[in-house]
All heavy atoms as atom14 arrays in JSON, in Angstrom:
{
  "sequence": "LDEQVRQSGSITEAFRALGVADYTRVESRISAQMPSAETATWLRQPAM",
  "atom14_mask": [
    [1, 1, 1, 1, 1, 1, 1, 1, 0, 0, 0, 0, 0, 0],
    [1, 1, 1, 1, 1, 1, 1, 1, 0, 0, 0, 0, 0, 0],
    [1, 1, 1, 1, 1, 1, 1, 1, 1, 0, 0, 0, 0, 0],
    [1, 1, 1, 1, 1, 1, 1, 1, 1, 0, 0, 0, 0, 0],
    [1, 1, 1, 1, 1, 1, 1, 0, 0, 0, 0, 0, 0, 0],
    [1, 1, 1, 1, 1, 1, 1, 1, 1, 1, 1, 0, 0, 0],
    [1, 1, 1, 1, 1, 1, 1, 1, 1, 0, 0, 0, 0, 0],
    [1, 1, 1, 1, 1, 1, 0, 0, 0, 0, 0, 0, 0, 0],
    [1, 1, 1, 1, 0, 0, 0, 0, 0, 0, 0, 0, 0, 0],
    [1, 1, 1, 1, 1, 1, 0, 0, 0, 0, 0, 0, 0, 0],
    [1, 1, 1, 1, 1, 1, 1, 1, 0, 0, 0, 0, 0, 0],
    [1, 1, 1, 1, 1, 1, 1, 0, 0, 0, 0, 0, 0, 0],
    [1, 1, 1, 1, 1, 1, 1, 1, 1, 0, 0, 0, 0, 0],
    [1, 1, 1, 1, 1, 0, 0, 0, 0, 0, 0, 0, 0, 0],
    [1, 1, 1, 1, 1, 1, 1, 1, 1, 1, 1, 0, 0, 0],
    [1, 1, 1, 1, 1, 1, 1, 1, 1, 1, 1, 0, 0, 0],
    [1, 1, 1, 1, 1, 0, 0, 0, 0, 0, 0, 0, 0, 0],
    [1, 1, 1, 1, 1, 1, 1, 1, 0, 0, 0, 0, 0, 0],
    [1, 1, 1, 1, 0, 0, 0, 0, 0, 0, 0, 0, 0, 0],
    [1, 1, 1, 1, 1, 1, 1, 0, 0, 0, 0, 0, 0, 0],
    [1, 1, 1, 1, 1, 0, 0, 0, 0, 0, 0, 0, 0, 0],
    [1, 1, 1, 1, 1, 1, 1, 1, 0, 0, 0, 0, 0, 0],
    [1, 1, 1, 1, 1, 1, 1, 1, 1, 1, 1, 1, 0, 0],
    [1, 1, 1, 1, 1, 1, 1, 0, 0, 0, 0, 0, 0, 0],
    [1, 1, 1, 1, 1, 1, 1, 1, 1, 1, 1, 0, 0, 0],
    [1, 1, 1, 1, 1, 1, 1, 0, 0, 0, 0, 0, 0, 0],
    [1, 1, 1, 1, 1, 1, 1, 1, 1, 0, 0, 0, 0, 0],
    [1, 1, 1, 1, 1, 1, 0, 0, 0, 0, 0, 0, 0, 0],
    [1, 1, 1, 1, 1, 1, 1, 1, 1, 1, 1, 0, 0, 0],
    [1, 1, 1, 1, 1, 1, 1, 1, 0, 0, 0, 0, 0, 0],
    [1, 1, 1, 1, 1, 1, 0, 0, 0, 0, 0, 0, 0, 0],
    [1, 1, 1, 1, 1, 0, 0, 0, 0, 0, 0, 0, 0, 0],
    [1, 1, 1, 1, 1, 1, 1, 1, 1, 0, 0, 0, 0, 0],
    [1, 1, 1, 1, 1, 1, 1, 1, 0, 0, 0, 0, 0, 0],
    [1, 1, 1, 1, 1, 1, 1, 0, 0, 0, 0, 0, 0, 0],
    [1, 1, 1, 1, 1, 1, 0, 0, 0, 0, 0, 0, 0, 0],
    [1, 1, 1, 1, 1, 0, 0, 0, 0, 0, 0, 0, 0, 0],
    [1, 1, 1, 1, 1, 1, 1, 1, 1, 0, 0, 0, 0, 0],
    [1, 1, 1, 1, 1, 1, 1, 0, 0, 0, 0, 0, 0, 0],
    [1, 1, 1, 1, 1, 0, 0, 0, 0, 0, 0, 0, 0, 0],
    [1, 1, 1, 1, 1, 1, 1, 0, 0, 0, 0, 0, 0, 0],
    [1, 1, 1, 1, 1, 1, 1, 1, 1, 1, 1, 1, 1, 1],
    [1, 1, 1, 1, 1, 1, 1, 1, 0, 0, 0, 0, 0, 0],
    [1, 1, 1, 1, 1, 1, 1, 1, 1, 1, 1, 0, 0, 0],
    [1, 1, 1, 1, 1, 1, 1, 1, 1, 0, 0, 0, 0, 0],
    [1, 1, 1, 1, 1, 1, 1, 0, 0, 0, 0, 0, 0, 0],
    [1, 1, 1, 1, 1, 0, 0, 0, 0, 0, 0, 0, 0, 0],
    [1, 1, 1, 1, 1, 1, 1, 1, 0, 0, 0, 0, 0, 0]
  ],
  "atom14_positions": [
    [[121.81, 96.47, 94.88], [120.48, 96.6, 95.46], [120.38, 95.87, 96.79], [119.65, 96.3, 97.7], [119.43, 96.07, 94.48], [117.96, 96.19, 94.94], [117.08, 96.72, 93.81], [117.42, 94.83, 95.41], [0.0, 0.0, 0.0], [0.0, 0.0, 0.0], [0.0, 0.0, 0.0], [0.0, 0.0, 0.0], [0.0, 0.0, 0.0], [0.0, 0.0, 0.0]],
    [[121.11, 94.77, 96.94], [121.07, 94.02, 98.2], [121.51, 94.88, 99.38], [120.9, 94.83, 100.46], [121.91, 92.75, 98.11], [123.34, 93.01, 97.65], [123.54, 93.89, 96.79], [124.25, 92.35, 98.17], [0.0, 0.0, 0.0], [0.0, 0.0, 0.0], [0.0, 0.0, 0.0], [0.0, 0.0, 0.0], [0.0, 0.0, 0.0], [0.0, 0.0, 0.0]],
    [[122.56, 95.69, 99.18], [123.02, 96.56, 100.27], [121.99, 97.63, 100.59], [121.79, 98.01, 101.75], [124.35, 97.21, 99.91], [125.53, 96.24, 99.95], [125.66, 95.56, 101.3], [125.49, 96.25, 102.33], [125.93, 94.35, 101.33], [0.0, 0.0, 0.0], [0.0, 0.0, 0.0], [0.0, 0.0, 0.0], [0.0, 0.0, 0.0], [0.0, 0.0, 0.0]],
    [[121.32, 98.13, 99.56], [120.27, 99.13, 99.78], [119.12, 98.55, 100.58], [118.56, 99.21, 101.47], [119.75, 99.65, 98.43], [120.78, 100.43, 97.61], [121.18, 101.74, 98.27], [120.42, 102.31, 99.06], [122.37, 102.21, 97.95], [0.0, 0.0, 0.0], [0.0, 0.0, 0.0], [0.0, 0.0, 0.0], [0.0, 0.0, 0.0], [0.0, 0.0, 0.0]],
    [[118.76, 97.29, 100.3], [117.67, 96.65, 101.06], [118.11, 96.41, 102.49], [117.33, 96.6, 103.43], [117.24, 95.32, 100.39], [116.15, 94.64, 101.23], [116.72, 95.57, 98.98], [0.0, 0.0, 0.0], [0.0, 0.0, 0.0], [0.0, 0.0, 0.0], [0.0, 0.0, 0.0], [0.0, 0.0, 0.0], [0.0, 0.0, 0.0], [0.0, 0.0, 0.0]],
    [[119.36, 96.01, 102.68], [119.86, 95.8, 104.05], [119.79, 97.08, 104.86], [119.48, 97.06, 106.06], [121.3, 95.28, 104.01], [121.44, 93.83, 103.6], [122.86, 93.34, 103.83], [123.0, 91.91, 103.54], [123.48, 91.42, 102.43], [123.88, 92.24, 101.46], [123.58, 90.12, 102.25], [0.0, 0.0, 0.0], [0.0, 0.0, 0.0], [0.0, 0.0, 0.0]],
    [[120.1, 98.2, 104.23], [120.11, 99.48, 104.94], [118.71, 100.0, 105.23], [118.45, 100.54, 106.31], [120.9, 100.51, 104.14], [122.39, 100.22, 104.02], [123.09, 101.19, 103.09], [122.61, 102.29, 102.82], [124.26, 100.8, 102.59], [0.0, 0.0, 0.0], [0.0, 0.0, 0.0], [0.0, 0.0, 0.0], [0.0, 0.0, 0.0], [0.0, 0.0, 0.0]],
    [[117.81, 99.82, 104.27], [116.48, 100.43, 104.41], [115.4, 99.45, 104.86], [114.36, 99.87, 105.38], [116.05, 101.03, 103.07], [115.86, 100.01, 102.09], [0.0, 0.0, 0.0], [0.0, 0.0, 0.0], [0.0, 0.0, 0.0], [0.0, 0.0, 0.0], [0.0, 0.0, 0.0], [0.0, 0.0, 0.0], [0.0, 0.0, 0.0], [0.0, 0.0, 0.0]],
    [[115.61, 98.14, 104.65], [114.58, 97.17, 104.96], [113.41, 97.23, 104.01], [112.32, 96.75, 104.31], [0.0, 0.0, 0.0], [0.0, 0.0, 0.0], [0.0, 0.0, 0.0], [0.0, 0.0, 0.0], [0.0, 0.0, 0.0], [0.0, 0.0, 0.0], [0.0, 0.0, 0.0], [0.0, 0.0, 0.0], [0.0, 0.0, 0.0], [0.0, 0.0, 0.0]],
    [[113.63, 97.8, 102.81], [112.54, 98.03, 101.87], [113.03, 97.88, 100.43], [114.03, 98.49, 100.04], [111.96, 99.44, 102.07], [111.13, 99.82, 101.0], [0.0, 0.0, 0.0], [0.0, 0.0, 0.0], [0.0, 0.0, 0.0], [0.0, 0.0, 0.0], [0.0, 0.0, 0.0], [0.0, 0.0, 0.0], [0.0, 0.0, 0.0], [0.0, 0.0, 0.0]],
    [[112.3, 97.09, 99.62], [112.6, 96.98, 98.19], [112.3, 98.31, 97.51], [113.06, 98.78, 96.65], [111.77, 95.86, 97.54], [112.16, 94.5, 98.12], [111.95, 95.87, 96.02], [113.54, 94.02, 97.75], [0.0, 0.0, 0.0], [0.0, 0.0, 0.0], [0.0, 0.0, 0.0], [0.0, 0.0, 0.0], [0.0, 0.0, 0.0], [0.0, 0.0, 0.0]],
    [[111.2, 98.95, 97.89], [110.81, 100.23, 97.28], [111.88, 101.29, 97.48], [112.25, 102.01, 96.54], [109.48, 100.71, 97.88], [108.46, 99.74, 97.61], [109.06, 102.04, 97.28], [0.0, 0.0, 0.0], [0.0, 0.0, 0.0], [0.0, 0.0, 0.0], [0.0, 0.0, 0.0], [0.0, 0.0, 0.0], [0.0, 0.0, 0.0], [0.0, 0.0, 0.0]],
    [[112.41, 101.39, 98.71], [113.45, 102.37, 98.99], [114.73, 102.02, 98.23], [115.45, 102.91, 97.75], [113.72, 102.42, 100.49], [112.58, 103.0, 101.31], [112.23, 104.42, 100.9], [113.15, 105.19, 100.57], [111.03, 104.74, 100.9], [0.0, 0.0, 0.0], [0.0, 0.0, 0.0], [0.0, 0.0, 0.0], [0.0, 0.0, 0.0], [0.0, 0.0, 0.0]],
    [[115.02, 100.73, 98.12], [116.21, 100.3, 97.38], [116.08, 100.65, 95.91], [117.04, 101.14, 95.28], [116.43, 98.8, 97.57], [0.0, 0.0, 0.0], [0.0, 0.0, 0.0], [0.0, 0.0, 0.0], [0.0, 0.0, 0.0], [0.0, 0.0, 0.0], [0.0, 0.0, 0.0], [0.0, 0.0, 0.0], [0.0, 0.0, 0.0], [0.0, 0.0, 0.0]],
    [[114.91, 100.41, 95.32], [114.68, 100.8, 93.93], [114.86, 102.3, 93.75], [115.49, 102.76, 92.79], [113.27, 100.4, 93.5], [113.14, 98.99, 93.0], [111.97, 98.27, 93.22], [114.16, 98.37, 92.3], [111.83, 96.98, 92.76], [114.03, 97.08, 91.82], [112.86, 96.37, 92.05], [0.0, 0.0, 0.0], [0.0, 0.0, 0.0], [0.0, 0.0, 0.0]],
    [[114.3, 103.06, 94.67], [114.38, 104.52, 94.56], [115.83, 104.99, 94.59], [116.22, 105.89, 93.85], [113.58, 105.17, 95.7], [113.48, 106.69, 95.59], [112.54, 107.27, 96.64], [111.15, 106.91, 96.37], [110.41, 106.14, 97.16], [110.92, 105.64, 98.27], [109.16, 105.87, 96.85], [0.0, 0.0, 0.0], [0.0, 0.0, 0.0], [0.0, 0.0, 0.0]],
    [[116.64, 104.37, 95.44], [118.05, 104.74, 95.53], [118.81, 104.43, 94.24], [119.82, 105.07, 93.95], [118.71, 104.01, 96.7], [0.0, 0.0, 0.0], [0.0, 0.0, 0.0], [0.0, 0.0, 0.0], [0.0, 0.0, 0.0], [0.0, 0.0, 0.0], [0.0, 0.0, 0.0], [0.0, 0.0, 0.0], [0.0, 0.0, 0.0], [0.0, 0.0, 0.0]],
    [[118.29, 103.49, 93.46], [118.94, 103.12, 92.2], [118.22, 103.68, 90.98], [118.41, 103.21, 89.86], [119.04, 101.59, 92.1], [119.94, 100.93, 93.17], [119.95, 99.42, 92.99], [121.36, 101.48, 93.1], [0.0, 0.0, 0.0], [0.0, 0.0, 0.0], [0.0, 0.0, 0.0], [0.0, 0.0, 0.0], [0.0, 0.0, 0.0], [0.0, 0.0, 0.0]],
    [[117.38, 104.69, 91.22], [116.79, 105.43, 90.11], [115.42, 105.0, 89.65], [114.9, 105.54, 88.66], [0.0, 0.0, 0.0], [0.0, 0.0, 0.0], [0.0, 0.0, 0.0], [0.0, 0.0, 0.0], [0.0, 0.0, 0.0], [0.0, 0.0, 0.0], [0.0, 0.0, 0.0], [0.0, 0.0, 0.0], [0.0, 0.0, 0.0], [0.0, 0.0, 0.0]],
    [[114.76, 104.06, 90.34], [113.41, 103.64, 89.98], [112.43, 104.3, 90.96], [112.25, 103.84, 92.09], [113.26, 102.11, 90.03], [111.82, 101.71, 89.66], [114.25, 101.46, 89.08], [0.0, 0.0, 0.0], [0.0, 0.0, 0.0], [0.0, 0.0, 0.0], [0.0, 0.0, 0.0], [0.0, 0.0, 0.0], [0.0, 0.0, 0.0], [0.0, 0.0, 0.0]],
    [[111.82, 105.38, 90.52], [110.94, 106.16, 91.4], [109.6, 105.48, 91.63], [108.97, 105.67, 92.67], [110.72, 107.55, 90.82], [0.0, 0.0, 0.0], [0.0, 0.0, 0.0], [0.0, 0.0, 0.0], [0.0, 0.0, 0.0], [0.0, 0.0, 0.0], [0.0, 0.0, 0.0], [0.0, 0.0, 0.0], [0.0, 0.0, 0.0], [0.0, 0.0, 0.0]],
    [[109.14, 104.68, 90.67], [107.84, 104.02, 90.8], [107.87, 102.73, 90.0], [108.63, 102.58, 89.04], [106.73, 104.93, 90.29], [105.34, 104.43, 90.66], [105.23, 103.6, 91.59], [104.36, 104.86, 90.02], [0.0, 0.0, 0.0], [0.0, 0.0, 0.0], [0.0, 0.0, 0.0], [0.0, 0.0, 0.0], [0.0, 0.0, 0.0], [0.0, 0.0, 0.0]],
    [[107.05, 101.78, 90.41], [106.93, 100.51, 89.69], [105.58, 99.89, 90.01], [104.93, 100.25, 91.0], [108.07, 99.55, 90.06], [108.09, 99.11, 91.5], [107.54, 97.89, 91.89], [108.67, 99.9, 92.49], [107.56, 97.47, 93.21], [108.7, 99.5, 93.81], [108.14, 98.28, 94.17], [108.18, 97.88, 95.48], [0.0, 0.0, 0.0], [0.0, 0.0, 0.0]],
    [[105.14, 98.98, 89.18], [103.84, 98.34, 89.36], [103.97, 96.83, 89.21], [104.91, 96.32, 88.61], [102.8, 98.85, 88.35], [103.3, 98.62, 87.02], [102.52, 100.33, 88.55], [0.0, 0.0, 0.0], [0.0, 0.0, 0.0], [0.0, 0.0, 0.0], [0.0, 0.0, 0.0], [0.0, 0.0, 0.0], [0.0, 0.0, 0.0], [0.0, 0.0, 0.0]],
    [[102.99, 96.14, 89.77], [102.95, 94.68, 89.66], [102.23, 94.31, 88.38], [101.09, 94.72, 88.14], [102.25, 94.07, 90.86], [102.14, 92.55, 90.81], [101.93, 91.94, 92.16], [103.09, 92.17, 93.03], [103.29, 91.52, 94.18], [102.43, 90.61, 94.58], [104.34, 91.79, 94.92], [0.0, 0.0, 0.0], [0.0, 0.0, 0.0], [0.0, 0.0, 0.0]],
    [[102.89, 93.54, 87.55], [102.34, 93.12, 86.27], [101.52, 91.85, 86.42], [100.48, 91.68, 85.76], [103.47, 92.88, 85.24], [102.92, 92.37, 83.92], [104.27, 94.16, 85.02], [0.0, 0.0, 0.0], [0.0, 0.0, 0.0], [0.0, 0.0, 0.0], [0.0, 0.0, 0.0], [0.0, 0.0, 0.0], [0.0, 0.0, 0.0], [0.0, 0.0, 0.0]],
    [[101.96, 90.97, 87.3], [101.33, 89.66, 87.4], [101.52, 89.08, 88.79], [102.56, 89.26, 89.41], [101.95, 88.72, 86.36], [101.48, 87.29, 86.4], [102.18, 86.43, 85.37], [101.76, 86.46, 84.2], [103.17, 85.75, 85.73], [0.0, 0.0, 0.0], [0.0, 0.0, 0.0], [0.0, 0.0, 0.0], [0.0, 0.0, 0.0], [0.0, 0.0, 0.0]],
    [[100.49, 88.36, 89.27], [100.57, 87.61, 90.53], [99.87, 86.28, 90.33], [98.75, 86.24, 89.82], [99.91, 88.36, 91.69], [100.62, 89.53, 92.03], [0.0, 0.0, 0.0], [0.0, 0.0, 0.0], [0.0, 0.0, 0.0], [0.0, 0.0, 0.0], [0.0, 0.0, 0.0], [0.0, 0.0, 0.0], [0.0, 0.0, 0.0], [0.0, 0.0, 0.0]],
    [[100.53, 85.21, 90.72], [99.94, 83.87, 90.66], [99.97, 83.28, 92.06], [101.04, 83.21, 92.68], [100.7, 82.97, 89.68], [100.61, 83.45, 88.23], [101.4, 82.53, 87.31], [101.35, 83.0, 85.94], [100.42, 82.64, 85.05], [99.46, 81.8, 85.42], [100.44, 83.12, 83.82], [0.0, 0.0, 0.0], [0.0, 0.0, 0.0], [0.0, 0.0, 0.0]],
    [[98.81, 82.86, 92.56], [98.67, 82.4, 93.94], [98.28, 80.93, 93.96], [97.39, 80.51, 93.22], [97.61, 83.22, 94.7], [97.91, 84.71, 94.6], [97.54, 82.78, 96.15], [96.81, 85.59, 95.14], [0.0, 0.0, 0.0], [0.0, 0.0, 0.0], [0.0, 0.0, 0.0], [0.0, 0.0, 0.0], [0.0, 0.0, 0.0], [0.0, 0.0, 0.0]],
    [[98.97, 80.16, 94.8], [98.63, 78.75, 94.96], [98.93, 78.34, 96.4], [99.69, 79.01, 97.1], [99.41, 77.87, 93.98], [100.81, 77.99, 94.21], [0.0, 0.0, 0.0], [0.0, 0.0, 0.0], [0.0, 0.0, 0.0], [0.0, 0.0, 0.0], [0.0, 0.0, 0.0], [0.0, 0.0, 0.0], [0.0, 0.0, 0.0], [0.0, 0.0, 0.0]],
    [[98.35, 77.23, 96.84], [98.62, 76.67, 98.16], [99.5, 75.44, 97.99], [99.29, 74.65, 97.06], [97.32, 76.3, 98.86], [0.0, 0.0, 0.0], [0.0, 0.0, 0.0], [0.0, 0.0, 0.0], [0.0, 0.0, 0.0], [0.0, 0.0, 0.0], [0.0, 0.0, 0.0], [0.0, 0.0, 0.0], [0.0, 0.0, 0.0], [0.0, 0.0, 0.0]],
    [[100.48, 75.28, 98.86], [101.37, 74.13, 98.78], [101.98, 73.86, 100.14], [101.9, 74.68, 101.06], [102.46, 74.35, 97.74], [103.41, 75.49, 98.05], [104.55, 75.56, 97.07], [105.71, 75.69, 97.44], [104.23, 75.47, 95.79], [0.0, 0.0, 0.0], [0.0, 0.0, 0.0], [0.0, 0.0, 0.0], [0.0, 0.0, 0.0], [0.0, 0.0, 0.0]],
    [[102.61, 72.71, 100.27], [103.34, 72.39, 101.49], [104.72, 73.05, 101.42], [105.34, 73.06, 100.34], [103.48, 70.88, 101.65], [102.15, 70.14, 101.67], [101.0, 70.79, 102.93], [101.87, 70.35, 104.43], [0.0, 0.0, 0.0], [0.0, 0.0, 0.0], [0.0, 0.0, 0.0], [0.0, 0.0, 0.0], [0.0, 0.0, 0.0], [0.0, 0.0, 0.0]],
    [[105.22, 73.59, 102.51], [106.51, 74.28, 102.48], [107.68, 73.32, 102.47], [107.57, 72.18, 102.93], [106.48, 75.1, 103.77], [105.68, 74.24, 104.71], [104.61, 73.61, 103.85], [0.0, 0.0, 0.0], [0.0, 0.0, 0.0], [0.0, 0.0, 0.0], [0.0, 0.0, 0.0], [0.0, 0.0, 0.0], [0.0, 0.0, 0.0], [0.0, 0.0, 0.0]],
    [[108.8, 73.79, 101.95], [110.05, 73.04, 102.11], [110.47, 73.14, 103.57], [109.97, 73.99, 104.33], [111.13, 73.62, 101.2], [111.49, 74.93, 101.64], [0.0, 0.0, 0.0], [0.0, 0.0, 0.0], [0.0, 0.0, 0.0], [0.0, 0.0, 0.0], [0.0, 0.0, 0.0], [0.0, 0.0, 0.0], [0.0, 0.0, 0.0], [0.0, 0.0, 0.0]],
    [[111.41, 72.29, 103.96], [111.9, 72.33, 105.34], [112.51, 73.7, 105.65], [112.32, 74.26, 106.74], [112.92, 71.22, 105.57], [0.0, 0.0, 0.0], [0.0, 0.0, 0.0], [0.0, 0.0, 0.0], [0.0, 0.0, 0.0], [0.0, 0.0, 0.0], [0.0, 0.0, 0.0], [0.0, 0.0, 0.0], [0.0, 0.0, 0.0], [0.0, 0.0, 0.0]],
    [[113.23, 74.27, 104.66], [113.86, 75.58, 104.86], [112.82, 76.67, 105.04], [112.93, 77.51, 105.94], [114.75, 75.9, 103.65], [115.47, 77.23, 103.77], [116.34, 77.53, 102.56], [116.04, 77.01, 101.47], [117.31, 78.29, 102.71], [0.0, 0.0, 0.0], [0.0, 0.0, 0.0], [0.0, 0.0, 0.0], [0.0, 0.0, 0.0], [0.0, 0.0, 0.0]],
    [[111.79, 76.64, 104.19], [110.73, 77.65, 104.29], [110.01, 77.55, 105.63], [109.75, 78.57, 106.29], [109.73, 77.48, 103.14], [110.39, 77.69, 101.89], [108.58, 78.48, 103.27], [0.0, 0.0, 0.0], [0.0, 0.0, 0.0], [0.0, 0.0, 0.0], [0.0, 0.0, 0.0], [0.0, 0.0, 0.0], [0.0, 0.0, 0.0], [0.0, 0.0, 0.0]],
    [[109.68, 76.34, 106.05], [108.98, 76.16, 107.32], [109.83, 76.67, 108.48], [109.31, 77.28, 109.42], [108.64, 74.69, 107.52], [0.0, 0.0, 0.0], [0.0, 0.0, 0.0], [0.0, 0.0, 0.0], [0.0, 0.0, 0.0], [0.0, 0.0, 0.0], [0.0, 0.0, 0.0], [0.0, 0.0, 0.0], [0.0, 0.0, 0.0], [0.0, 0.0, 0.0]],
    [[111.13, 76.43, 108.41], [112.03, 76.89, 109.48], [112.05, 78.4, 109.56], [111.93, 78.99, 110.65], [113.45, 76.36, 109.24], [113.45, 74.93, 109.29], [114.41, 76.89, 110.3], [0.0, 0.0, 0.0], [0.0, 0.0, 0.0], [0.0, 0.0, 0.0], [0.0, 0.0, 0.0], [0.0, 0.0, 0.0], [0.0, 0.0, 0.0], [0.0, 0.0, 0.0]],
    [[112.19, 79.08, 108.43], [112.24, 80.54, 108.43], [110.91, 81.14, 108.88], [110.89, 82.18, 109.54], [112.63, 81.07, 107.06], [114.09, 80.98, 106.78], [114.7, 80.23, 105.81], [115.15, 81.66, 107.46], [116.07, 80.38, 105.86], [116.37, 81.25, 106.86], [115.18, 82.56, 108.52], [117.61, 81.73, 107.29], [116.42, 83.05, 108.95], [117.6, 82.64, 108.34]],
    [[109.79, 80.49, 108.52], [108.48, 81.01, 108.91], [108.09, 80.6, 110.32], [107.05, 81.02, 110.83], [107.41, 80.53, 107.92], [107.49, 81.12, 106.51], [106.41, 80.51, 105.62], [107.36, 82.64, 106.54], [0.0, 0.0, 0.0], [0.0, 0.0, 0.0], [0.0, 0.0, 0.0], [0.0, 0.0, 0.0], [0.0, 0.0, 0.0], [0.0, 0.0, 0.0]],
    [[108.92, 79.76, 110.94], [108.67, 79.27, 112.3], [107.29, 78.61, 112.39], [106.47, 78.94, 113.25], [108.8, 80.4, 113.32], [110.16, 81.06, 113.33], [110.51, 81.68, 114.67], [109.56, 82.68, 115.12], [109.79, 83.98, 115.15], [110.95, 84.45, 114.73], [108.88, 84.81, 115.6], [0.0, 0.0, 0.0], [0.0, 0.0, 0.0], [0.0, 0.0, 0.0]],
    [[107.06, 77.66, 111.48], [105.8, 76.95, 111.48], [106.06, 75.46, 111.22], [107.12, 75.09, 110.72], [104.86, 77.49, 110.41], [105.28, 77.17, 108.97], [104.16, 77.4, 107.98], [103.64, 78.5, 107.87], [103.78, 76.35, 107.27], [0.0, 0.0, 0.0], [0.0, 0.0, 0.0], [0.0, 0.0, 0.0], [0.0, 0.0, 0.0], [0.0, 0.0, 0.0]],
    [[105.09, 74.59, 111.56], [105.27, 73.16, 111.29], [105.4, 72.89, 109.79], [104.75, 73.56, 108.97], [103.99, 72.53, 111.85], [103.47, 73.53, 112.85], [103.84, 74.87, 112.3], [0.0, 0.0, 0.0], [0.0, 0.0, 0.0], [0.0, 0.0, 0.0], [0.0, 0.0, 0.0], [0.0, 0.0, 0.0], [0.0, 0.0, 0.0], [0.0, 0.0, 0.0]],
    [[106.21, 71.91, 109.43], [106.42, 71.58, 108.02], [105.16, 71.02, 107.37], [105.03, 71.04, 106.14], [107.56, 70.57, 107.89], [0.0, 0.0, 0.0], [0.0, 0.0, 0.0], [0.0, 0.0, 0.0], [0.0, 0.0, 0.0], [0.0, 0.0, 0.0], [0.0, 0.0, 0.0], [0.0, 0.0, 0.0], [0.0, 0.0, 0.0], [0.0, 0.0, 0.0]],
    [[104.21, 70.53, 108.17], [102.98, 69.95, 107.62], [101.86, 70.98, 107.49], [100.74, 70.63, 107.13], [102.51, 68.78, 108.49], [103.48, 67.61, 108.52], [103.87, 67.01, 106.85], [102.26, 66.39, 106.35], [0.0, 0.0, 0.0], [0.0, 0.0, 0.0], [0.0, 0.0, 0.0], [0.0, 0.0, 0.0], [0.0, 0.0, 0.0], [0.0, 0.0, 0.0]]
  ]
}
């Protein structure tokens, strides 16, 4: 699946290529927190 995502830039397209035509979100949990140094770097934002 990783190669499919690299080629298409899409999880949905990667799933489709591997036989999953549709899928749904079962659960989402949202919270606010301070980012790790790695996360802040990738998001190009201050760590604070």
